[in-house]
Amino acid sequence: MTEDSLRRQTPDELLAEIELEERRRRRGQLKVFLGYAGGVGKSYQMLDEGRRRLERGEDVVVCALQHEYPPGIQAIVDRMEIIPTLKTGDAESIDVEAVVRRQPQVTLIDGLAYDNPPGSPNAHRWQDVEQLLDAGISVITTVNVQYLEGLQDEIERITGNRAPFIIPKIFLETSADEIALVDSPPAESLWHGMIDRSTLLAEKLKLSRLRELALLAAAAVVDRQLEGYLRSHGGTEQTWGVHERIMVCVTPKSDATQMLESGRRNADRFQGEFFAVYVAASSGTGQKILEQNLEVARKLGAAVEVLNGKDAAQAILLFAMERGITQIFVGHSSAPYNVWNRLRGDLVDRLIRSAEGIDVVVYPQ
């Protein structure tokens, strides 16, 4: 199998991409201002962009706001057309039907991460946004990194608090056309009352870590956008983006626990995806070791994949290309080559030679 054939898409994959492209043409555009903490200026940047679009002649309305704003931001809000929210007791939700009837070009939603009151057509605000996008209305919105799926445990370790709402990771990766990281320093009011220098330093260290998570989350969305752009424009020469995807190759021949733990740490460090793969063989030799390796992989949260193919290196490379793997972890035995290895080449050597653009990390076993 040649390298070109490894990258060729199936008819079903091509059809799925065509359907996705058609859907995107009909849908509105989604822009997200992502912040790493409160007070960094997400609301101002979103509303100021709405103001500029309004002045350029676009039809812009506001359909969800925070309860209070500083005078400078409120002055922008006062110039906007506002579609009132629906009230259910103390809770509010977007009046999606009213917005769709009004059919503006752009709507502003300050605060993507909210659950709607019981009895609402949609349980979550991000589902309201999907409905507006499907109606051809573009949305500009704001969200803090603490609400993104998959980051709750880490953010709770950093801040001691767990977000009450969650936005699915897949929503941003598939729906966001643009993500703008708001990287301004927090408002000075955030530090009021922190007289103790050690307390102030600890809070700034927390914010530094939250900022890093926001950068990684934004990179993941950009990565998905890059992949989609390359596919839709016939790009096959480069399928890797900026988001880390770690793949550990396990076998029935040796304990892969240390290699799997190292792969997990790398995935966590970069908020990347984590895979464990095994190339199926007809022989049942070492089945107990294999099952132990796969059990460790599952406990570590890896997506476990069983690959099929007579040529292990080729099966691994095909999977890596399809999934945009950035790092391959593979074990290497110090045992001497047998005759077959001399003829066809060692698996590790073949991966290193052929995995162009992918880092191959070799563990002695």
Protein backbone atom coordinates (compact mmCIF):
# COMPACT_ATOMS: atom_id res chain seq x y z
CA MET A 1 0.00 0.00 0.00
CA THR A 2 1.45 3.36 -1.01
CA GLU A 3 1.48 6.49 1.13
CA ASP A 4 -1.11 8.13 -1.18
CA SER A 5 -3.50 5.21 -0.77
CA LEU A 6 -3.18 5.48 3.00
CA ARG A 7 -4.55 9.00 2.82
CA ARG A 8 -7.31 8.46 0.23
CA GLN A 9 -10.78 9.08 1.61
CA THR A 10 -13.65 6.64 1.27
CA PRO A 11 -16.82 7.61 -0.64
CA ASP A 12 -18.71 7.80 2.68
CA GLU A 13 -16.12 10.20 4.09
CA LEU A 14 -16.30 12.39 0.99
CA LEU A 15 -20.10 12.44 1.13
CA ALA A 16 -20.03 13.38 4.83
CA GLU A 17 -17.71 16.29 4.06
CA ILE A 18 -19.91 17.53 1.21
CA GLU A 19 -22.98 17.39 3.46
CA LEU A 20 -21.09 19.23 6.22
CA GLU A 21 -19.99 21.94 3.77
CA GLU A 22 -23.57 22.38 2.51
CA ARG A 23 -24.82 22.65 6.08
CA ARG A 24 -22.21 25.27 6.89
CA ARG A 25 -23.23 27.35 3.85
CA ARG A 26 -26.82 27.47 5.09
CA ARG A 27 -25.99 28.04 8.74
CA GLY A 28 -25.11 31.23 10.53
CA GLN A 29 -21.56 31.82 11.73
CA LEU A 30 -20.55 31.32 15.37
CA LYS A 31 -17.86 33.46 16.99
CA VAL A 32 -16.89 32.78 20.60
CA PHE A 33 -14.96 35.14 22.89
CA LEU A 34 -13.21 32.76 25.30
CA GLY A 35 -11.90 34.01 28.64
CA TYR A 36 -9.84 32.37 31.36
CA ALA A 37 -11.47 34.27 34.24
CA GLY A 38 -14.12 36.83 35.03
CA GLY A 39 -13.20 40.45 34.45
CA VAL A 40 -10.88 39.93 31.47
CA GLY A 41 -13.14 41.87 29.07
CA LYS A 42 -15.15 39.27 27.14
CA SER A 43 -18.42 41.21 27.34
CA TYR A 44 -16.81 44.45 26.20
CA GLN A 45 -15.12 42.84 23.21
CA MET A 46 -18.29 41.05 22.14
CA LEU A 47 -20.50 44.14 22.47
CA ASP A 48 -17.89 46.37 20.84
CA GLU A 49 -17.75 44.04 17.84
CA GLY A 50 -21.55 44.19 17.68
CA ARG A 51 -21.36 47.99 17.72
CA ARG A 52 -18.84 48.04 14.87
CA ARG A 53 -20.94 45.66 12.79
CA LEU A 54 -24.01 47.80 13.42
CA GLU A 55 -22.15 50.90 12.26
CA ARG A 56 -21.12 49.02 9.08
CA GLY A 57 -24.78 48.44 8.28
CA GLU A 58 -25.30 44.89 9.57
CA ASP A 59 -28.57 44.01 11.30
CA VAL A 60 -27.49 43.27 14.88
CA VAL A 61 -29.65 42.50 17.92
CA VAL A 62 -28.95 41.46 21.51
CA CYS A 63 -30.87 38.54 23.00
CA ALA A 64 -29.03 37.74 26.27
CA LEU A 65 -27.15 40.03 28.65
CA GLN A 66 -25.60 39.97 32.10
CA HIS A 67 -27.52 41.75 34.86
CA GLU A 68 -25.08 44.63 35.37
CA TYR A 69 -22.34 46.34 33.37
CA PRO A 70 -19.87 49.15 34.07
CA PRO A 71 -20.97 52.49 32.57
CA GLY A 72 -18.66 52.19 29.53
CA ILE A 73 -20.15 48.83 28.52
CA GLN A 74 -23.71 49.88 29.35
CA ALA A 75 -23.33 52.81 26.97
CA ILE A 76 -22.79 50.31 24.13
CA VAL A 77 -25.76 48.19 25.23
CA ASP A 78 -28.02 51.25 25.24
CA ARG A 79 -27.41 51.74 21.51
CA MET A 80 -28.47 48.17 20.63
CA GLU A 81 -31.85 46.65 19.82
CA ILE A 82 -32.66 44.12 22.53
CA ILE A 83 -35.03 41.16 22.22
CA PRO A 84 -36.20 40.54 25.81
CA THR A 85 -35.53 37.18 27.43
CA LEU A 86 -38.27 34.91 28.70
CA LYS A 87 -38.73 35.00 32.50
CA THR A 88 -39.47 31.87 34.53
CA GLY A 89 -39.33 32.89 38.19
CA ASP A 90 -35.79 34.15 38.76
CA ALA A 91 -34.47 32.31 35.69
CA GLU A 92 -34.18 33.65 32.15
CA SER A 93 -33.90 32.06 28.74
CA ILE A 94 -33.47 33.30 25.18
CA ASP A 95 -36.72 33.85 23.29
CA VAL A 96 -35.55 31.76 20.35
CA GLU A 97 -38.87 31.98 18.49
CA ALA A 98 -38.87 35.79 18.70
CA VAL A 99 -35.29 35.97 17.42
CA VAL A 100 -36.06 33.62 14.51
CA ARG A 101 -39.16 35.68 13.61
CA ARG A 102 -37.06 38.88 13.73
CA GLN A 103 -34.39 37.16 11.56
CA PRO A 104 -31.43 39.49 12.22
CA GLN A 105 -28.08 38.92 10.57
CA VAL A 106 -26.26 38.74 13.91
CA THR A 107 -27.33 38.23 17.50
CA LEU A 108 -25.22 38.83 20.62
CA ILE A 109 -25.41 36.42 23.57
CA ASP A 110 -23.40 37.38 26.64
CA GLY A 111 -22.95 34.09 28.45
CA LEU A 112 -23.11 30.81 26.56
CA ALA A 113 -22.88 28.54 29.63
CA TYR A 114 -26.34 28.53 31.15
CA ASP A 115 -29.03 25.91 31.63
CA ASN A 116 -32.55 26.93 30.68
CA PRO A 117 -35.46 26.76 33.16
CA PRO A 118 -37.44 23.49 33.34
CA GLY A 119 -40.03 23.27 30.59
CA SER A 120 -37.98 25.24 28.05
CA PRO A 121 -37.82 23.82 24.51
CA ASN A 122 -34.06 23.38 24.94
CA ALA A 123 -32.39 22.33 28.19
CA HIS A 124 -29.20 24.32 27.54
CA ARG A 125 -28.38 27.70 26.05
CA TRP A 126 -25.83 26.21 23.66
CA GLN A 127 -28.75 24.27 22.14
CA ASP A 128 -30.57 27.59 21.65
CA VAL A 129 -27.50 28.80 19.80
CA GLU A 130 -27.53 25.72 17.56
CA GLN A 131 -31.15 26.46 16.71
CA LEU A 132 -30.32 30.05 15.79
CA LEU A 133 -27.39 28.95 13.65
CA ASP A 134 -29.60 26.44 11.83
CA ALA A 135 -32.02 29.30 11.13
CA GLY A 136 -29.23 31.15 9.32
CA ILE A 137 -28.59 33.67 12.12
CA SER A 138 -24.99 34.35 13.11
CA VAL A 139 -24.15 34.38 16.82
CA ILE A 140 -21.42 36.15 18.76
CA THR A 141 -21.12 34.93 22.33
CA THR A 142 -18.88 34.72 25.41
CA VAL A 143 -17.78 31.92 27.71
CA ASN A 144 -15.16 31.20 30.36
CA VAL A 145 -12.88 28.18 30.08
CA GLN A 146 -14.22 26.72 33.35
CA TYR A 147 -17.43 25.68 31.57
CA LEU A 148 -15.81 23.59 28.82
CA GLU A 149 -16.33 19.84 29.00
CA GLY A 150 -13.28 17.83 30.02
CA LEU A 151 -11.68 20.62 32.04
CA GLN A 152 -13.83 20.50 35.18
CA ASP A 153 -11.53 18.24 37.22
CA GLU A 154 -8.43 20.26 36.42
CA ILE A 155 -10.13 23.60 37.10
CA GLU A 156 -11.54 22.30 40.37
CA ARG A 157 -7.99 21.33 41.40
CA ILE A 158 -6.81 24.85 40.55
CA THR A 159 -9.65 26.93 41.99
CA GLY A 160 -11.41 24.64 44.44
CA ASN A 161 -14.70 25.29 42.63
CA ARG A 162 -16.61 23.22 40.07
CA ALA A 163 -18.60 24.88 37.30
CA PRO A 164 -22.38 24.29 37.55
CA PHE A 165 -22.83 24.21 33.76
CA ILE A 166 -20.99 22.33 31.00
CA ILE A 167 -20.67 23.07 27.29
CA PRO A 168 -19.86 19.94 25.26
CA LYS A 169 -16.42 19.96 23.72
CA ILE A 170 -17.84 18.69 20.44
CA PHE A 171 -20.18 21.71 20.20
CA LEU A 172 -17.31 24.20 20.01
CA GLU A 173 -15.16 21.98 17.81
CA THR A 174 -17.91 21.43 15.22
CA SER A 175 -19.94 24.65 15.44
CA ALA A 176 -17.47 27.47 16.19
CA ASP A 177 -16.26 29.24 13.05
CA GLU A 178 -14.01 31.56 15.04
CA ILE A 179 -12.74 31.53 18.60
CA ALA A 180 -11.11 34.65 20.02
CA LEU A 181 -9.09 34.25 23.20
CA VAL A 182 -9.54 37.28 25.46
CA ASP A 183 -6.07 37.51 26.93
CA SER A 184 -6.29 40.80 28.81
CA PRO A 185 -5.26 41.08 32.46
CA PRO A 186 -8.19 40.76 34.88
CA ALA A 187 -9.82 43.93 36.17
CA GLU A 188 -8.00 45.50 39.12
CA SER A 189 -11.13 45.01 41.25
CA LEU A 190 -10.34 41.30 41.27
CA TRP A 191 -7.38 41.95 43.58
CA HIS A 192 -9.18 44.24 46.03
CA GLY A 193 -8.91 43.02 49.59
CA MET A 194 -5.87 40.82 48.89
CA ILE A 195 -3.42 42.57 51.16
CA ASP A 196 -1.37 39.48 51.92
CA ARG A 197 1.39 39.09 49.31
CA SER A 198 1.36 35.28 49.41
CA THR A 199 -2.41 35.21 48.79
CA LEU A 200 -2.04 37.57 45.86
CA LEU A 201 0.76 35.45 44.38
CA ALA A 202 -1.28 32.26 44.75
CA GLU A 203 -4.24 33.84 42.95
CA LYS A 204 -2.04 35.04 40.11
CA LEU A 205 -0.56 31.55 39.74
CA LYS A 206 -4.09 30.15 39.50
CA LEU A 207 -4.94 32.63 36.77
CA SER A 208 -1.76 31.73 34.91
CA ARG A 209 -2.78 28.06 34.85
CA LEU A 210 -6.35 28.95 33.79
CA ARG A 211 -4.93 31.08 30.99
CA GLU A 212 -2.86 28.10 29.81
CA LEU A 213 -5.99 25.90 29.73
CA ALA A 214 -7.84 28.55 27.72
CA LEU A 215 -4.99 28.71 25.21
CA LEU A 216 -5.08 24.93 24.79
CA ALA A 217 -8.87 24.90 24.43
CA ALA A 218 -8.69 27.57 21.74
CA ALA A 219 -5.94 25.63 19.98
CA ALA A 220 -8.16 22.53 19.89
CA VAL A 221 -10.90 24.44 18.06
CA VAL A 222 -8.41 25.98 15.65
CA ASP A 223 -7.03 22.51 15.01
CA ARG A 224 -10.46 21.18 14.02
CA GLN A 225 -10.98 24.19 11.75
CA LEU A 226 -7.60 23.59 10.10
CA GLU A 227 -8.42 19.94 9.46
CA GLY A 228 -11.79 20.85 7.95
CA TYR A 229 -10.24 23.51 5.74
CA LEU A 230 -7.56 21.16 4.44
CA ARG A 231 -10.07 18.44 3.68
CA SER A 232 -12.52 20.77 1.95
CA HIS A 233 -9.74 22.26 -0.18
CA GLY A 234 -8.18 18.96 -1.19
CA GLY A 235 -5.27 19.25 1.23
CA THR A 236 -3.75 15.83 1.78
CA GLU A 237 -0.09 16.64 2.25
CA GLN A 238 -0.51 17.65 5.88
CA THR A 239 -3.18 16.31 8.20
CA TRP A 240 -1.73 17.32 11.56
CA GLY A 241 -2.82 20.41 13.41
CA VAL A 242 -1.84 22.18 16.60
CA HIS A 243 -3.70 19.92 19.04
CA GLU A 244 -1.79 17.02 20.58
CA ARG A 245 -3.09 13.50 19.99
CA ILE A 246 -1.10 10.80 21.78
CA MET A 247 -1.22 7.18 20.60
CA VAL A 248 0.32 4.32 22.63
CA CYS A 249 0.87 1.01 20.80
CA VAL A 250 0.36 -1.99 23.11
CA THR A 251 1.18 -5.63 22.37
CA PRO A 252 0.72 -9.02 24.07
CA LYS A 253 4.49 -9.30 24.52
CA SER A 254 5.25 -6.90 27.36
CA ASP A 255 3.76 -4.80 30.17
CA ALA A 256 2.94 -1.34 28.76
CA THR A 257 1.88 0.30 32.05
CA GLN A 258 4.75 2.79 32.24
CA MET A 259 4.39 3.73 28.59
CA LEU A 260 0.62 4.22 28.99
CA GLU A 261 1.09 6.35 32.11
CA SER A 262 3.62 8.51 30.29
CA GLY A 263 1.21 8.92 27.35
CA ARG A 264 -1.57 9.93 29.74
CA ARG A 265 0.66 12.56 31.37
CA ASN A 266 1.56 14.03 27.98
CA ALA A 267 -2.10 14.14 26.93
CA ASP A 268 -3.06 15.85 30.21
CA ARG A 269 -0.25 18.36 29.93
CA PHE A 270 -1.47 19.59 26.57
CA GLN A 271 -5.19 18.83 27.09
CA GLY A 272 -4.84 16.46 24.14
CA GLU A 273 -6.56 13.27 23.04
CA PHE A 274 -5.27 9.90 24.22
CA PHE A 275 -5.47 6.61 22.27
CA ALA A 276 -4.26 3.07 22.95
CA VAL A 277 -4.10 0.78 19.92
CA TYR A 278 -3.44 -2.90 19.35
CA VAL A 279 -2.95 -4.58 15.99
CA ALA A 280 -4.99 -7.80 16.07
CA ALA A 281 -3.12 -11.04 15.36
CA SER A 282 -4.34 -14.58 14.85
CA SER A 283 -2.13 -15.96 17.59
CA GLY A 284 -3.49 -16.09 21.12
CA THR A 285 -0.02 -15.92 22.66
CA GLY A 286 0.25 -13.40 25.47
CA GLN A 287 -3.50 -12.76 25.63
CA LYS A 288 -3.39 -12.24 29.41
CA ILE A 289 -0.70 -9.54 29.12
CA LEU A 290 -2.66 -7.86 26.32
CA GLU A 291 -5.85 -7.76 28.37
CA GLN A 292 -3.93 -6.29 31.31
CA ASN A 293 -2.49 -3.58 29.03
CA LEU A 294 -5.91 -2.73 27.61
CA GLU A 295 -7.44 -2.61 31.09
CA VAL A 296 -4.75 -0.16 32.23
CA ALA A 297 -5.42 1.93 29.10
CA ARG A 298 -9.15 2.08 29.83
CA LYS A 299 -8.57 3.04 33.48
CA LEU A 300 -6.33 5.87 32.27
CA GLY A 301 -9.12 7.12 30.03
CA ALA A 302 -7.63 6.11 26.68
CA ALA A 303 -9.82 5.53 23.64
CA VAL A 304 -8.95 1.89 22.91
CA GLU A 305 -8.87 0.85 19.25
CA VAL A 306 -8.21 -2.61 17.79
CA LEU A 307 -6.60 -2.33 14.35
CA ASN A 308 -6.71 -4.96 11.64
CA GLY A 309 -4.03 -5.63 9.07
CA LYS A 310 -1.30 -8.12 8.21
CA ASP A 311 1.26 -5.34 8.31
CA ALA A 312 1.33 -3.81 11.80
CA ALA A 313 3.36 -0.74 10.82
CA GLN A 314 1.01 0.05 7.93
CA ALA A 315 -2.09 -0.35 10.12
CA ILE A 316 -0.61 1.96 12.77
CA LEU A 317 0.35 4.60 10.20
CA LEU A 318 -3.07 4.50 8.56
CA PHE A 319 -4.80 5.04 11.90
CA ALA A 320 -2.34 7.83 12.80
CA MET A 321 -3.03 9.65 9.53
CA GLU A 322 -6.81 9.29 9.84
CA ARG A 323 -6.86 10.62 13.41
CA GLY A 324 -4.16 13.29 13.08
CA ILE A 325 -1.91 11.65 15.68
CA THR A 326 1.00 13.86 16.75
CA GLN A 327 2.94 11.40 18.97
CA ILE A 328 3.29 7.62 18.73
CA PHE A 329 4.55 5.76 21.80
CA VAL A 330 5.93 2.32 20.95
CA GLY A 331 7.91 -0.29 22.86
CA HIS A 332 11.20 -1.68 21.54
CA SER A 333 12.68 -5.03 22.46
CA SER A 334 16.42 -5.40 22.93
CA ALA A 335 16.23 -8.98 21.61
CA PRO A 336 18.20 -9.65 18.38
CA TYR A 337 16.43 -9.59 15.03
CA ASN A 338 15.14 -12.85 13.60
CA VAL A 339 15.32 -13.64 9.88
CA TRP A 340 11.85 -12.19 9.17
CA ASN A 341 12.69 -8.89 10.85
CA ARG A 342 15.87 -8.61 8.82
CA LEU A 343 13.87 -9.07 5.62
CA ARG A 344 10.94 -6.72 6.34
CA GLY A 345 12.52 -4.26 8.75
CA ASP A 346 11.87 -3.70 12.45
CA LEU A 347 8.46 -2.17 13.34
CA VAL A 348 10.00 0.71 15.27
CA ASP A 349 12.48 1.53 12.51
CA ARG A 350 9.70 1.49 9.92
CA LEU A 351 7.53 3.80 12.02
CA ILE A 352 10.38 6.26 12.51
CA ARG A 353 11.16 6.26 8.78
CA SER A 354 7.55 6.56 7.59
CA ALA A 355 5.77 8.65 10.24
CA GLU A 356 6.55 11.99 8.62
CA GLY A 357 5.38 14.86 10.81
CA ILE A 358 4.70 12.57 13.80
CA ASP A 359 7.01 12.20 16.80
CA VAL A 360 7.82 8.56 17.57
CA VAL A 361 8.69 8.00 21.24
CA VAL A 362 10.48 4.68 21.81
CA TYR A 363 10.33 2.83 25.16
CA PRO A 364 12.82 -0.01 25.78
CA GLN A 365 11.09 -3.22 26.84
